[in-house]
Amino acid sequence: QVQLVESGGGLVQPGGSLRLSCGASGSGFTFNAMGWYRQTSGGQRELVASITRGGTIGYGDSAKGRCTISRDNAKNKVYLQMNSMQPEDKGGYYCKADAIAGKLDRDEYWGQGTQGTVSS
């Protein structure tokens, strides 16, 4: 059973930074794409950043050059560095990992989320 666990959320002042991490239980496998999504009070999750196993990176509009995603394939971990955070960046941050087809029991995994709050 593979599980994703996020950490690193918290309360920061405007202009502050958060570094989120997401790790997967288990070993002996490799994810395809991994990414971070932000869920607002409206319940919709929007892409913040994604990165494939080959290192191809994509950023959502909310990143605005302030976010950096990285991953460690060997450790099945993905990170999100968020700088210059503003109140609009608040929300639950969820980690998502896509399995390589036919390699795991599920085709995608979601973490439980970690809360990011920006307030003065």
C-alpha atoms as a PDB file:
ATOM      1  CA  GLN A   1       0.000   0.000   0.000  1.00  0.00           C
ATOM      2  CA  VAL A   2       1.521   3.271  -1.143  1.00  0.00           C
ATOM      3  CA  GLN A   3       0.704   6.456   0.725  1.00  0.00           C
ATOM      4  CA  LEU A   4       1.758  10.043   0.188  1.00  0.00           C
ATOM      5  CA  VAL A   5       2.402  12.272   3.176  1.00  0.00           C
ATOM      6  CA  GLU A   6       2.914  16.029   2.902  1.00  0.00           C
ATOM      7  CA  SER A   7       4.651  18.266   5.382  1.00  0.00           C
ATOM      8  CA  GLY A   8       6.012  21.778   5.623  1.00  0.00           C
ATOM      9  CA  GLY A   9       2.837  23.796   5.727  1.00  0.00           C
ATOM     10  CA  GLY A  10       2.233  26.493   8.264  1.00  0.00           C
ATOM     11  CA  LEU A  11       1.665  30.169   8.852  1.00  0.00           C
ATOM     12  CA  VAL A  12       3.876  32.747   7.203  1.00  0.00           C
ATOM     13  CA  GLN A  13       3.767  36.502   6.839  1.00  0.00           C
ATOM     14  CA  PRO A  14       3.361  38.099   3.430  1.00  0.00           C
ATOM     15  CA  GLY A  15       6.639  37.811   1.608  1.00  0.00           C
ATOM     16  CA  GLY A  16       7.614  34.753   3.554  1.00  0.00           C
ATOM     17  CA  SER A  17       8.442  31.303   2.299  1.00  0.00           C
ATOM     18  CA  LEU A  18       7.356  27.747   2.762  1.00  0.00           C
ATOM     19  CA  ARG A  19       9.051  24.587   1.675  1.00  0.00           C
ATOM     20  CA  LEU A  20       6.702  21.677   1.255  1.00  0.00           C
ATOM     21  CA  SER A  21       7.758  18.095   1.006  1.00  0.00           C
ATOM     22  CA  CYS A  22       5.936  14.965   0.038  1.00  0.00           C
ATOM     23  CA  GLY A  23       7.190  11.474   0.602  1.00  0.00           C
ATOM     24  CA  ALA A  24       5.843   8.115  -0.406  1.00  0.00           C
ATOM     25  CA  SER A  25       5.822   5.013   1.672  1.00  0.00           C
ATOM     26  CA  GLY A  26       7.357   1.874   0.312  1.00  0.00           C
ATOM     27  CA  SER A  27      10.285   1.328  -1.954  1.00  0.00           C
ATOM     28  CA  GLY A  28      11.325  -0.416  -5.109  1.00  0.00           C
ATOM     29  CA  PHE A  29       9.228   1.697  -7.453  1.00  0.00           C
ATOM     30  CA  THR A  30       9.316   4.973  -9.304  1.00  0.00           C
ATOM     31  CA  PHE A  31       6.536   7.439  -9.969  1.00  0.00           C
ATOM     32  CA  ASN A  32       5.912   9.082 -13.258  1.00  0.00           C
ATOM     33  CA  ALA A  33       4.833  12.690 -12.831  1.00  0.00           C
ATOM     34  CA  MET A  34       4.496  14.248  -9.404  1.00  0.00           C
ATOM     35  CA  GLY A  35       2.937  17.549  -8.587  1.00  0.00           C
ATOM     36  CA  TRP A  36       1.480  19.986  -6.132  1.00  0.00           C
ATOM     37  CA  TYR A  37      -2.077  21.255  -6.181  1.00  0.00           C
ATOM     38  CA  ARG A  38      -3.685  23.975  -4.138  1.00  0.00           C
ATOM     39  CA  GLN A  39      -7.255  23.614  -2.944  1.00  0.00           C
ATOM     40  CA  THR A  40      -9.113  26.788  -2.111  1.00  0.00           C
ATOM     41  CA  SER A  41     -12.240  27.247  -0.048  1.00  0.00           C
ATOM     42  CA  GLY A  42     -14.236  26.560  -3.188  1.00  0.00           C
ATOM     43  CA  GLY A  43     -13.020  22.983  -3.151  1.00  0.00           C
ATOM     44  CA  GLN A  44     -11.302  23.003  -6.520  1.00  0.00           C
ATOM     45  CA  ARG A  45      -7.721  21.922  -6.796  1.00  0.00           C
ATOM     46  CA  GLU A  46      -5.528  23.818  -9.182  1.00  0.00           C
ATOM     47  CA  LEU A  47      -2.096  22.892 -10.361  1.00  0.00           C
ATOM     48  CA  VAL A  48       0.774  24.746  -8.760  1.00  0.00           C
ATOM     49  CA  ALA A  49       3.634  22.774 -10.228  1.00  0.00           C
ATOM     50  CA  SER A  50       4.398  19.389 -11.681  1.00  0.00           C
ATOM     51  CA  ILE A  51       7.513  17.508 -12.597  1.00  0.00           C
ATOM     52  CA  THR A  52       7.955  14.324 -14.572  1.00  0.00           C
ATOM     53  CA  ARG A  53      10.364  11.572 -13.714  1.00  0.00           C
ATOM     54  CA  GLY A  54      12.584  12.920 -16.456  1.00  0.00           C
ATOM     55  CA  GLY A  55      12.652  16.381 -14.934  1.00  0.00           C
ATOM     56  CA  THR A  56      10.229  18.226 -17.184  1.00  0.00           C
ATOM     57  CA  ILE A  57       8.586  20.954 -15.122  1.00  0.00           C
ATOM     58  CA  GLY A  58       5.354  22.799 -15.542  1.00  0.00           C
ATOM     59  CA  TYR A  59       3.994  25.633 -13.422  1.00  0.00           C
ATOM     60  CA  GLY A  60       0.498  26.896 -12.945  1.00  0.00           C
ATOM     61  CA  ASP A  61      -0.410  30.542 -13.190  1.00  0.00           C
ATOM     62  CA  SER A  62      -0.331  30.923  -9.427  1.00  0.00           C
ATOM     63  CA  ALA A  63       3.364  30.130  -9.339  1.00  0.00           C
ATOM     64  CA  LYS A  64       4.265  33.406 -11.072  1.00  0.00           C
ATOM     65  CA  GLY A  65       7.940  32.697 -10.884  1.00  0.00           C
ATOM     66  CA  ARG A  66       7.848  32.336  -7.108  1.00  0.00           C
ATOM     67  CA  CYS A  67       7.779  28.567  -6.886  1.00  0.00           C
ATOM     68  CA  THR A  68      10.304  25.888  -7.560  1.00  0.00           C
ATOM     69  CA  ILE A  69       9.474  22.217  -7.728  1.00  0.00           C
ATOM     70  CA  SER A  70      12.045  19.484  -7.430  1.00  0.00           C
ATOM     71  CA  ARG A  71      12.106  15.777  -6.815  1.00  0.00           C
ATOM     72  CA  ASP A  72      14.292  12.955  -5.713  1.00  0.00           C
ATOM     73  CA  ASN A  73      13.348   9.901  -7.714  1.00  0.00           C
ATOM     74  CA  ALA A  74      15.392   7.524  -5.611  1.00  0.00           C
ATOM     75  CA  LYS A  75      13.585   8.636  -2.466  1.00  0.00           C
ATOM     76  CA  ASN A  76      10.172   9.048  -4.087  1.00  0.00           C
ATOM     77  CA  LYS A  77       9.973  12.582  -2.791  1.00  0.00           C
ATOM     78  CA  VAL A  78       8.848  15.835  -4.305  1.00  0.00           C
ATOM     79  CA  TYR A  79       9.390  19.327  -2.948  1.00  0.00           C
ATOM     80  CA  LEU A  80       7.847  22.708  -3.490  1.00  0.00           C
ATOM     81  CA  GLN A  81       9.673  25.873  -2.527  1.00  0.00           C
ATOM     82  CA  MET A  82       7.348  28.847  -2.384  1.00  0.00           C
ATOM     83  CA  ASN A  83       8.767  32.318  -1.967  1.00  0.00           C
ATOM     84  CA  SER A  84       7.233  35.768  -1.709  1.00  0.00           C
ATOM     85  CA  MET A  85       3.976  34.283  -0.573  1.00  0.00           C
ATOM     86  CA  GLN A  86       0.866  36.417  -0.514  1.00  0.00           C
ATOM     87  CA  PRO A  87      -2.567  35.893   1.040  1.00  0.00           C
ATOM     88  CA  GLU A  88      -3.889  34.585  -2.250  1.00  0.00           C
ATOM     89  CA  ASP A  89      -1.537  31.634  -1.894  1.00  0.00           C
ATOM     90  CA  LYS A  90      -3.380  30.282   1.113  1.00  0.00           C
ATOM     91  CA  GLY A  91      -5.044  26.925   0.907  1.00  0.00           C
ATOM     92  CA  GLY A  92      -4.495  23.249   1.294  1.00  0.00           C
ATOM     93  CA  TYR A  93      -1.565  21.922  -0.655  1.00  0.00           C
ATOM     94  CA  TYR A  94      -1.903  18.408  -1.921  1.00  0.00           C
ATOM     95  CA  CYS A  95       0.722  16.160  -3.350  1.00  0.00           C
ATOM     96  CA  LYS A  96      -0.138  13.996  -6.326  1.00  0.00           C
ATOM     97  CA  ALA A  97       1.883  11.203  -7.846  1.00  0.00           C
ATOM     98  CA  ASP A  98       1.178   9.294 -11.028  1.00  0.00           C
ATOM     99  CA  ALA A  99       2.148   5.675 -11.259  1.00  0.00           C
ATOM    100  CA  ILE A 100       3.797   4.252 -14.307  1.00  0.00           C
ATOM    101  CA  ALA A 101       1.157   2.230 -16.093  1.00  0.00           C
ATOM    102  CA  GLY A 102       0.883  -1.291 -14.784  1.00  0.00           C
ATOM    103  CA  LYS A 103       3.514  -0.884 -12.086  1.00  0.00           C
ATOM    104  CA  LEU A 104       1.415  -0.089  -9.012  1.00  0.00           C
ATOM    105  CA  ASP A 105      -2.013  -0.925  -7.677  1.00  0.00           C
ATOM    106  CA  ARG A 106      -3.367   2.529  -8.500  1.00  0.00           C
ATOM    107  CA  ASP A 107      -2.731   4.891 -11.344  1.00  0.00           C
ATOM    108  CA  GLU A 108      -2.494   7.950  -9.119  1.00  0.00           C
ATOM    109  CA  TYR A 109      -2.049   8.792  -5.462  1.00  0.00           C
ATOM    110  CA  TRP A 110      -3.024  11.820  -3.413  1.00  0.00           C
ATOM    111  CA  GLY A 111      -1.754  12.958  -0.072  1.00  0.00           C
ATOM    112  CA  GLN A 112      -3.937  14.263   2.722  1.00  0.00           C
ATOM    113  CA  GLY A 113      -2.775  17.827   2.279  1.00  0.00           C
ATOM    114  CA  THR A 114      -0.897  20.390   4.298  1.00  0.00           C
ATOM    115  CA  GLN A 115      -2.235  23.846   5.051  1.00  0.00           C
ATOM    116  CA  GLY A 116      -0.510  26.980   3.952  1.00  0.00           C
ATOM    117  CA  THR A 117      -1.651  30.227   5.524  1.00  0.00           C
ATOM    118  CA  VAL A 118      -0.374  33.715   4.753  1.00  0.00           C
ATOM    119  CA  SER A 119      -1.292  36.429   7.214  1.00  0.00           C
ATOM    120  CA  SER A 120       0.267  39.447   8.852  1.00  0.00           C
END
